Each structure stands twice: as structure tokens, then as C-alpha cells.
Amino acid sequence: MKKIAIVTVAVLGLSLAACNKNDADNNAVNETAVENTASADINAADNSAVNAADAALNATDNAVANAGNAIDNAVDNATTNQ
């Protein structure tokens, strides 16, 4: 009976030790979560800036192409209607 009591006390002691709050581990996990969230936010902002720049360049490219086509059409019309 004493052996069972000793084993029971040992198991309960280990159980309580396992339940103790470990602030260092929790802080490390929280810090990692904050860093991951910040990294995701930075990547999203970077992607938004890149996408906006790409869209602006595409719009400019289209405007230049349209201007070139307008000039070509004007030259063709001037030549044809002489």
C-alpha cells in the first residue's frame, strides 16, 4: 500500500509540474506569432505596392501605344486624303 501511495504522490507531483505556467515559453511563442504577423503584413504591403506599380506601368504603356496608333492613323489619313 505504501508503494502505491508513493507512486501516486510521484505521479501527482509530475502532473502538477507539467501544469505549471512557463512564461518564457509562452512569451517566445507570442513573440514568434507577432513576428509572423508583421512579416505577413509587410509582404502584403509590398505586394500591393508592386501590383500598383505594375498597373501604372501597364496603363502608361497602353497610353503610349494608343498615342502611337493615333499618330500612325493621322499620317495614313493625311497621305490618303491628299
PDB file of N, CA and C in Angstrom:
ATOM      1  N   MET A   1       0.822  -1.184   0.000  1.00  0.00           N
ATOM      2  CA  MET A   1       0.000   0.000   0.000  1.00  0.00           C
ATOM      3  C   MET A   1       0.865   1.246   0.000  1.00  0.00           C
ATOM      4  N   LYS A   2       2.005   1.194   0.721  1.00  0.00           N
ATOM      5  CA  LYS A   2       2.893   2.357   0.752  1.00  0.00           C
ATOM      6  C   LYS A   2       3.477   2.615  -0.630  1.00  0.00           C
ATOM      7  N   LYS A   3       3.764   1.541  -1.377  1.00  0.00           N
ATOM      8  CA  LYS A   3       4.326   1.727  -2.721  1.00  0.00           C
ATOM      9  C   LYS A   3       3.316   2.437  -3.622  1.00  0.00           C
ATOM     10  N   ILE A   4       2.056   2.064  -3.511  1.00  0.00           N
ATOM     11  CA  ILE A   4       1.011   2.707  -4.330  1.00  0.00           C
ATOM     12  C   ILE A   4       0.895   4.175  -3.947  1.00  0.00           C
ATOM     13  N   ALA A   5       0.956   4.481  -2.677  1.00  0.00           N
ATOM     14  CA  ALA A   5       0.867   5.865  -2.219  1.00  0.00           C
ATOM     15  C   ALA A   5       2.052   6.676  -2.720  1.00  0.00           C
ATOM     16  N   ILE A   6       3.235   6.095  -2.681  1.00  0.00           N
ATOM     17  CA  ILE A   6       4.440   6.806  -3.160  1.00  0.00           C
ATOM     18  C   ILE A   6       4.336   7.059  -4.656  1.00  0.00           C
ATOM     19  N   VAL A   7       3.918   6.036  -5.390  1.00  0.00           N
ATOM     20  CA  VAL A   7       3.772   6.196  -6.842  1.00  0.00           C
ATOM     21  C   VAL A   7       2.698   7.236  -7.149  1.00  0.00           C
ATOM     22  N   THR A   8       1.606   7.213  -6.406  1.00  0.00           N
ATOM     23  CA  THR A   8       0.534   8.179  -6.613  1.00  0.00           C
ATOM     24  C   THR A   8       1.017   9.599  -6.357  1.00  0.00           C
ATOM     25  N   VAL A   9       1.755   9.788  -5.277  1.00  0.00           N
ATOM     26  CA  VAL A   9       2.293  11.116  -4.957  1.00  0.00           C
ATOM     27  C   VAL A   9       3.264  11.562  -6.044  1.00  0.00           C
ATOM     28  N   ALA A  10       4.091  10.650  -6.537  1.00  0.00           N
ATOM     29  CA  ALA A  10       5.056  10.997  -7.591  1.00  0.00           C
ATOM     30  C   ALA A  10       4.331  11.402  -8.874  1.00  0.00           C
ATOM     31  N   VAL A  11       3.297  10.626  -9.235  1.00  0.00           N
ATOM     32  CA  VAL A  11       2.538  10.941 -10.447  1.00  0.00           C
ATOM     33  C   VAL A  11       1.834  12.279 -10.305  1.00  0.00           C
ATOM     34  N   LEU A  12       1.222  12.537  -9.164  1.00  0.00           N
ATOM     35  CA  LEU A  12       0.553  13.818  -8.940  1.00  0.00           C
ATOM     36  C   LEU A  12       1.549  14.973  -8.970  1.00  0.00           C
ATOM     37  N   GLY A  13       2.719  14.752  -8.393  1.00  0.00           N
ATOM     38  CA  GLY A  13       3.755  15.796  -8.409  1.00  0.00           C
ATOM     39  C   GLY A  13       4.191  16.121  -9.820  1.00  0.00           C
ATOM     40  N   LEU A  14       4.388  15.085 -10.639  1.00  0.00           N
ATOM     41  CA  LEU A  14       4.769  15.317 -12.039  1.00  0.00           C
ATOM     42  C   LEU A  14       3.635  15.991 -12.817  1.00  0.00           C
ATOM     43  N   SER A  15       2.415  15.601 -12.514  1.00  0.00           N
ATOM     44  CA  SER A  15       1.264  16.213 -13.184  1.00  0.00           C
ATOM     45  C   SER A  15       1.184  17.696 -12.871  1.00  0.00           C
ATOM     46  N   LEU A  16       1.378  18.050 -11.622  1.00  0.00           N
ATOM     47  CA  LEU A  16       1.346  19.462 -11.239  1.00  0.00           C
ATOM     48  C   LEU A  16       2.510  20.226 -11.868  1.00  0.00           C
ATOM     49  N   ALA A  17       3.660  19.588 -11.921  1.00  0.00           N
ATOM     50  CA  ALA A  17       4.818  20.246 -12.535  1.00  0.00           C
ATOM     51  C   ALA A  17       4.568  20.497 -14.013  1.00  0.00           C
ATOM     52  N   ALA A  18       3.888  19.567 -14.661  1.00  0.00           N
ATOM     53  CA  ALA A  18       3.593  19.733 -16.083  1.00  0.00           C
ATOM     54  C   ALA A  18       2.574  20.845 -16.317  1.00  0.00           C
ATOM     55  N   CYS A  19       1.733  21.106 -15.333  1.00  0.00           N
ATOM     56  CA  CYS A  19       0.702  22.137 -15.478  1.00  0.00           C
ATOM     57  C   CYS A  19       1.217  23.532 -15.147  1.00  0.00           C
ATOM     58  N   ASN A  20       2.403  23.633 -14.598  1.00  0.00           N
ATOM     59  CA  ASN A  20       2.928  24.954 -14.240  1.00  0.00           C
ATOM     60  C   ASN A  20       3.080  25.805 -15.488  1.00  0.00           C
ATOM     61  N   LYS A  21       2.752  27.069 -15.341  1.00  0.00           N
ATOM     62  CA  LYS A  21       2.849  28.016 -16.442  1.00  0.00           C
ATOM     63  C   LYS A  21       4.322  28.358 -16.666  1.00  0.00           C
ATOM     64  N   ASN A  22       4.737  28.279 -17.908  1.00  0.00           N
ATOM     65  CA  ASN A  22       6.114  28.623 -18.242  1.00  0.00           C
ATOM     66  C   ASN A  22       6.088  29.896 -19.084  1.00  0.00           C
ATOM     67  N   ASP A  23       6.279  31.041 -18.416  1.00  0.00           N
ATOM     68  CA  ASP A  23       6.170  32.331 -19.097  1.00  0.00           C
ATOM     69  C   ASP A  23       7.191  32.494 -20.210  1.00  0.00           C
ATOM     70  N   ALA A  24       8.389  31.958 -20.030  1.00  0.00           N
ATOM     71  CA  ALA A  24       9.419  32.109 -21.064  1.00  0.00           C
ATOM     72  C   ALA A  24       8.972  31.443 -22.364  1.00  0.00           C
ATOM     73  N   ASP A  25       8.428  30.235 -22.273  1.00  0.00           N
ATOM     74  CA  ASP A  25       7.950  29.548 -23.474  1.00  0.00           C
ATOM     75  C   ASP A  25       6.769  30.284 -24.097  1.00  0.00           C
ATOM     76  N   ASN A  26       5.842  30.724 -23.245  1.00  0.00           N
ATOM     77  CA  ASN A  26       4.675  31.445 -23.761  1.00  0.00           C
ATOM     78  C   ASN A  26       5.090  32.752 -24.427  1.00  0.00           C
ATOM     79  N   ASN A  27       6.020  33.463 -23.826  1.00  0.00           N
ATOM     80  CA  ASN A  27       6.491  34.719 -24.410  1.00  0.00           C
ATOM     81  C   ASN A  27       7.167  34.468 -25.753  1.00  0.00           C
ATOM     82  N   ALA A  28       7.951  33.393 -25.847  1.00  0.00           N
ATOM     83  CA  ALA A  28       8.621  33.073 -27.107  1.00  0.00           C
ATOM     84  C   ALA A  28       7.604  32.763 -28.195  1.00  0.00           C
ATOM     85  N   VAL A  29       6.573  32.015 -27.843  1.00  0.00           N
ATOM     86  CA  VAL A  29       5.525  31.691 -28.817  1.00  0.00           C
ATOM     87  C   VAL A  29       4.797  32.953 -29.245  1.00  0.00           C
ATOM     88  N   ASN A  30       4.463  33.820 -28.299  1.00  0.00           N
ATOM     89  CA  ASN A  30       3.769  35.068 -28.634  1.00  0.00           C
ATOM     90  C   ASN A  30       4.632  35.973 -29.500  1.00  0.00           C
ATOM     91  N   GLU A  31       5.908  36.039 -29.180  1.00  0.00           N
ATOM     92  CA  GLU A  31       6.817  36.881 -29.972  1.00  0.00           C
ATOM     93  C   GLU A  31       6.924  36.353 -31.396  1.00  0.00           C
ATOM     94  N   THR A  32       6.987  35.037 -31.541  1.00  0.00           N
ATOM     95  CA  THR A  32       7.044  34.437 -32.878  1.00  0.00           C
ATOM     96  C   THR A  32       5.767  34.741 -33.655  1.00  0.00           C
ATOM     97  N   ALA A  33       4.622  34.657 -32.979  1.00  0.00           N
ATOM     98  CA  ALA A  33       3.350  34.953 -33.644  1.00  0.00           C
ATOM     99  C   ALA A  33       3.304  36.411 -34.104  1.00  0.00           C
ATOM    100  N   VAL A  34       3.782  37.318 -33.275  1.00  0.00           N
ATOM    101  CA  VAL A  34       3.807  38.745 -33.641  1.00  0.00           C
ATOM    102  C   VAL A  34       4.738  38.966 -34.835  1.00  0.00           C
ATOM    103  N   GLU A  35       5.898  38.326 -34.809  1.00  0.00           N
ATOM    104  CA  GLU A  35       6.841  38.484 -35.922  1.00  0.00           C
ATOM    105  C   GLU A  35       6.259  37.926 -37.217  1.00  0.00           C
ATOM    106  N   ASN A  36       5.588  36.790 -37.133  1.00  0.00           N
ATOM    107  CA  ASN A  36       4.985  36.203 -38.335  1.00  0.00           C
ATOM    108  C   ASN A  36       3.878  37.094 -38.883  1.00  0.00           C
ATOM    109  N   THR A  37       3.079  37.668 -38.003  1.00  0.00           N
ATOM    110  CA  THR A  37       2.014  38.566 -38.435  1.00  0.00           C
ATOM    111  C   THR A  37       2.594  39.819 -39.075  1.00  0.00           C
ATOM    112  N   ALA A  38       3.631  40.367 -38.468  1.00  0.00           N
ATOM    113  CA  ALA A  38       4.273  41.559 -39.030  1.00  0.00           C
ATOM    114  C   ALA A  38       4.868  41.247 -40.396  1.00  0.00           C
ATOM    115  N   SER A  39       5.483  40.087 -40.510  1.00  0.00           N
ATOM    116  CA  SER A  39       6.061  39.688 -41.793  1.00  0.00           C
ATOM    117  C   SER A  39       4.989  39.552 -42.859  1.00  0.00           C
ATOM    118  N   ALA A  40       3.862  38.974 -42.494  1.00  0.00           N
ATOM    119  CA  ALA A  40       2.754  38.837 -43.449  1.00  0.00           C
ATOM    120  C   ALA A  40       2.228  40.203 -43.860  1.00  0.00           C
ATOM    121  N   ASP A  41       2.123  41.138 -42.904  1.00  0.00           N
ATOM    122  CA  ASP A  41       1.648  42.485 -43.219  1.00  0.00           C
ATOM    123  C   ASP A  41       2.609  43.194 -44.173  1.00  0.00           C
ATOM    124  N   ILE A  42       3.907  43.038 -43.919  1.00  0.00           N
ATOM    125  CA  ILE A  42       4.906  43.674 -44.781  1.00  0.00           C
ATOM    126  C   ILE A  42       4.850  43.086 -46.179  1.00  0.00           C
ATOM    127  N   ASN A  43       4.714  41.765 -46.268  1.00  0.00           N
ATOM    128  CA  ASN A  43       4.622  41.130 -47.588  1.00  0.00           C
ATOM    129  C   ASN A  43       3.383  41.586 -48.338  1.00  0.00           C
ATOM    130  N   ALA A  44       2.273  41.718 -47.633  1.00  0.00           N
ATOM    131  CA  ALA A  44       1.037  42.176 -48.275  1.00  0.00           C
ATOM    132  C   ALA A  44       1.190  43.605 -48.777  1.00  0.00           C
ATOM    133  N   ALA A  45       1.794  44.456 -47.958  1.00  0.00           N
ATOM    134  CA  ALA A  45       2.003  45.852 -48.367  1.00  0.00           C
ATOM    135  C   ALA A  45       2.953  45.920 -49.558  1.00  0.00           C
ATOM    136  N   ASP A  46       4.005  45.114 -49.528  1.00  0.00           N
ATOM    137  CA  ASP A  46       4.964  45.080 -50.626  1.00  0.00           C
ATOM    138  C   ASP A  46       4.290  44.615 -51.908  1.00  0.00           C
ATOM    139  N   ASN A  47       3.471  43.558 -51.795  1.00  0.00           N
ATOM    140  CA  ASN A  47       2.763  43.055 -52.965  1.00  0.00           C
ATOM    141  C   ASN A  47       1.791  44.086 -53.507  1.00  0.00           C
ATOM    142  N   SER A  48       1.137  44.836 -52.622  1.00  0.00           N
ATOM    143  CA  SER A  48       0.205  45.867 -53.068  1.00  0.00           C
ATOM    144  C   SER A  48       0.947  46.963 -53.820  1.00  0.00           C
ATOM    145  N   ALA A  49       2.103  47.358 -53.311  1.00  0.00           N
ATOM    146  CA  ALA A  49       2.891  48.403 -53.975  1.00  0.00           C
ATOM    147  C   ALA A  49       3.377  47.925 -55.340  1.00  0.00           C
ATOM    148  N   VAL A  50       3.827  46.680 -55.394  1.00  0.00           N
ATOM    149  CA  VAL A  50       4.304  46.124 -56.672  1.00  0.00           C
ATOM    150  C   VAL A  50       3.153  46.047 -57.670  1.00  0.00           C
ATOM    151  N   ASN A  51       1.998  45.590 -57.207  1.00  0.00           N
ATOM    152  CA  ASN A  51       0.840  45.487 -58.106  1.00  0.00           C
ATOM    153  C   ASN A  51       0.399  46.856 -58.596  1.00  0.00           C
ATOM    154  N   ALA A  52       0.428  47.855 -57.716  1.00  0.00           N
ATOM    155  CA  ALA A  52       0.045  49.208 -58.118  1.00  0.00           C
ATOM    156  C   ALA A  52       1.031  49.766 -59.146  1.00  0.00           C
ATOM    157  N   ALA A  53       2.315  49.524 -58.922  1.00  0.00           N
ATOM    158  CA  ALA A  53       3.325  49.994 -59.870  1.00  0.00           C
ATOM    159  C   ALA A  53       3.178  49.297 -61.219  1.00  0.00           C
ATOM    160  N   ASP A  54       2.921  47.999 -61.187  1.00  0.00           N
ATOM    161  CA  ASP A  54       2.710  47.261 -62.442  1.00  0.00           C
ATOM    162  C   ASP A  54       1.505  47.804 -63.199  1.00  0.00           C
ATOM    163  N   ALA A  55       0.427  48.065 -62.478  1.00  0.00           N
ATOM    164  CA  ALA A  55      -0.774  48.592 -63.126  1.00  0.00           C
ATOM    165  C   ALA A  55      -0.506  49.965 -63.740  1.00  0.00           C
ATOM    166  N   ALA A  56       0.249  50.807 -63.020  1.00  0.00           N
ATOM    167  CA  ALA A  56       0.569  52.136 -63.546  1.00  0.00           C
ATOM    168  C   ALA A  56       1.448  52.034 -64.797  1.00  0.00           C
ATOM    169  N   LEU A  57       2.414  51.124 -64.753  1.00  0.00           N
ATOM    170  CA  LEU A  57       3.273  50.947 -65.929  1.00  0.00           C
ATOM    171  C   LEU A  57       2.483  50.402 -67.114  1.00  0.00           C
ATOM    172  N   ASN A  58       1.582  49.477 -66.840  1.00  0.00           N
ATOM    173  CA  ASN A  58       0.754  48.941 -67.921  1.00  0.00           C
ATOM    174  C   ASN A  58      -0.135  50.023 -68.519  1.00  0.00           C
ATOM    175  N   ALA A  59      -0.704  50.865 -67.669  1.00  0.00           N
ATOM    176  CA  ALA A  59      -1.554  51.953 -68.162  1.00  0.00           C
ATOM    177  C   ALA A  59      -0.736  52.927 -69.012  1.00  0.00           C
ATOM    178  N   THR A  60       0.468  53.225 -68.560  1.00  0.00           N
ATOM    179  CA  THR A  60       1.344  54.125 -69.322  1.00  0.00           C
ATOM    180  C   THR A  60       1.719  53.508 -70.659  1.00  0.00           C
ATOM    181  N   ASP A  61       2.051  52.221 -70.633  1.00  0.00           N
ATOM    182  CA  ASP A  61       2.404  51.513 -71.862  1.00  0.00           C
ATOM    183  C   ASP A  61       1.246  51.541 -72.846  1.00  0.00           C
ATOM    184  N   ASN A  62       0.033  51.304 -72.330  1.00  0.00           N
ATOM    185  CA  ASN A  62      -1.146  51.339 -73.198  1.00  0.00           C
ATOM    186  C   ASN A  62      -1.387  52.737 -73.761  1.00  0.00           C
ATOM    187  N   ALA A  63      -1.178  53.754 -72.942  1.00  0.00           N
ATOM    188  CA  ALA A  63      -1.378  55.133 -73.407  1.00  0.00           C
ATOM    189  C   ALA A  63      -0.377  55.480 -74.504  1.00  0.00           C
ATOM    190  N   VAL A  64       0.870  55.055 -74.326  1.00  0.00           N
ATOM    191  CA  VAL A  64       1.897  55.328 -75.344  1.00  0.00           C
ATOM    192  C   VAL A  64       1.559  54.579 -76.636  1.00  0.00           C
ATOM    193  N   ALA A  65       1.134  53.338 -76.512  1.00  0.00           N
ATOM    194  CA  ALA A  65       0.758  52.562 -77.696  1.00  0.00           C
ATOM    195  C   ALA A  65      -0.422  53.201 -78.414  1.00  0.00           C
ATOM    196  N   ASN A  66      -1.397  53.664 -77.650  1.00  0.00           N
ATOM    197  CA  ASN A  66      -2.562  54.321 -78.263  1.00  0.00           C
ATOM    198  C   ASN A  66      -2.165  55.619 -78.952  1.00  0.00           C
ATOM    199  N   ALA A  67      -1.258  56.368 -78.342  1.00  0.00           N
ATOM    200  CA  ALA A  67      -0.787  57.612 -78.964  1.00  0.00           C
ATOM    201  C   ALA A  67      -0.049  57.303 -80.265  1.00  0.00           C
ATOM    202  N   GLY A  68       0.769  56.267 -80.233  1.00  0.00           N
ATOM    203  CA  GLY A  68       1.479  55.864 -81.454  1.00  0.00           C
ATOM    204  C   GLY A  68       0.520  55.454 -82.552  1.00  0.00           C
ATOM    205  N   ASN A  69      -0.518  54.712 -82.177  1.00  0.00           N
ATOM    206  CA  ASN A  69      -1.524  54.310 -83.176  1.00  0.00           C
ATOM    207  C   ASN A  69      -2.266  55.514 -83.720  1.00  0.00           C
ATOM    208  N   ALA A  70      -2.550  56.480 -82.873  1.00  0.00           N
ATOM    209  CA  ALA A  70      -3.244  57.687 -83.328  1.00  0.00           C
ATOM    210  C   ALA A  70      -2.384  58.452 -84.328  1.00  0.00           C
ATOM    211  N   ILE A  71      -1.091  58.523 -84.049  1.00  0.00           N
ATOM    212  CA  ILE A  71      -0.181  59.218 -84.980  1.00  0.00           C
ATOM    213  C   ILE A  71      -0.130  58.470 -86.308  1.00  0.00           C
ATOM    214  N   ASP A  72      -0.016  57.150 -86.244  1.00  0.00           N
ATOM    215  CA  ASP A  72       0.011  56.352 -87.475  1.00  0.00           C
ATOM    216  C   ASP A  72      -1.260  56.557 -88.288  1.00  0.00           C
ATOM    217  N   ASN A  73      -2.404  56.565 -87.598  1.00  0.00           N
ATOM    218  CA  ASN A  73      -3.672  56.779 -88.298  1.00  0.00           C
ATOM    219  C   ASN A  73      -3.746  58.169 -88.912  1.00  0.00           C
ATOM    220  N   ALA A  74      -3.230  59.159 -88.185  1.00  0.00           N
ATOM    221  CA  ALA A  74      -3.242  60.527 -88.718  1.00  0.00           C
ATOM    222  C   ALA A  74      -2.370  60.627 -89.960  1.00  0.00           C
ATOM    223  N   VAL A  75      -1.201  59.992 -89.917  1.00  0.00           N
ATOM    224  CA  VAL A  75      -0.305  60.012 -91.080  1.00  0.00           C
ATOM    225  C   VAL A  75      -0.959  59.284 -92.251  1.00  0.00           C
ATOM    226  N   ASP A  76      -1.564  58.135 -91.987  1.00  0.00           N
ATOM    227  CA  ASP A  76      -2.236  57.389 -93.068  1.00  0.00           C
ATOM    228  C   ASP A  76      -3.372  58.199 -93.671  1.00  0.00           C
ATOM    229  N   ASN A  77      -4.156  58.872 -92.811  1.00  0.00           N
ATOM    230  CA  ASN A  77      -5.269  59.690 -93.306  1.00  0.00           C
ATOM    231  C   ASN A  77      -4.761  60.882 -94.117  1.00  0.00           C
ATOM    232  N   ALA A  78      -3.687  61.488 -93.667  1.00  0.00           N
ATOM    233  CA  ALA A  78      -3.136  62.635 -94.384  1.00  0.00           C
ATOM    234  C   ALA A  78      -2.617  62.188 -95.746  1.00  0.00           C
ATOM    235  N   THR A  79      -1.986  61.057 -95.799  1.00  0.00           N
ATOM    236  CA  THR A  79      -1.432  60.541 -97.062  1.00  0.00           C
ATOM    237  C   THR A  79      -2.553  60.143 -98.007  1.00  0.00           C
ATOM    238  N   THR A  80      -3.571  59.510 -97.470  1.00  0.00           N
ATOM    239  CA  THR A  80      -4.677  59.027 -98.294  1.00  0.00           C
ATOM    240  C   THR A  80      -5.517  60.177 -98.824  1.00  0.00           C
ATOM    241  N   ASN A  81      -5.691  61.215 -98.034  1.00  0.00           N
ATOM    242  CA  ASN A  81      -6.602  62.303 -98.402  1.00  0.00           C
ATOM    243  C   ASN A  81      -5.887  63.479 -99.077  1.00  0.00           C
ATOM    244  N   GLN A  82      -4.733  63.266 -99.632  1.00  0.00           N
ATOM    245  CA  GLN A  82      -4.033  64.372-100.307  1.00  0.00           C
ATOM    246  C   GLN A  82      -4.674  64.711-101.616  1.00  0.00           C
TER     247      GLN A  82
END
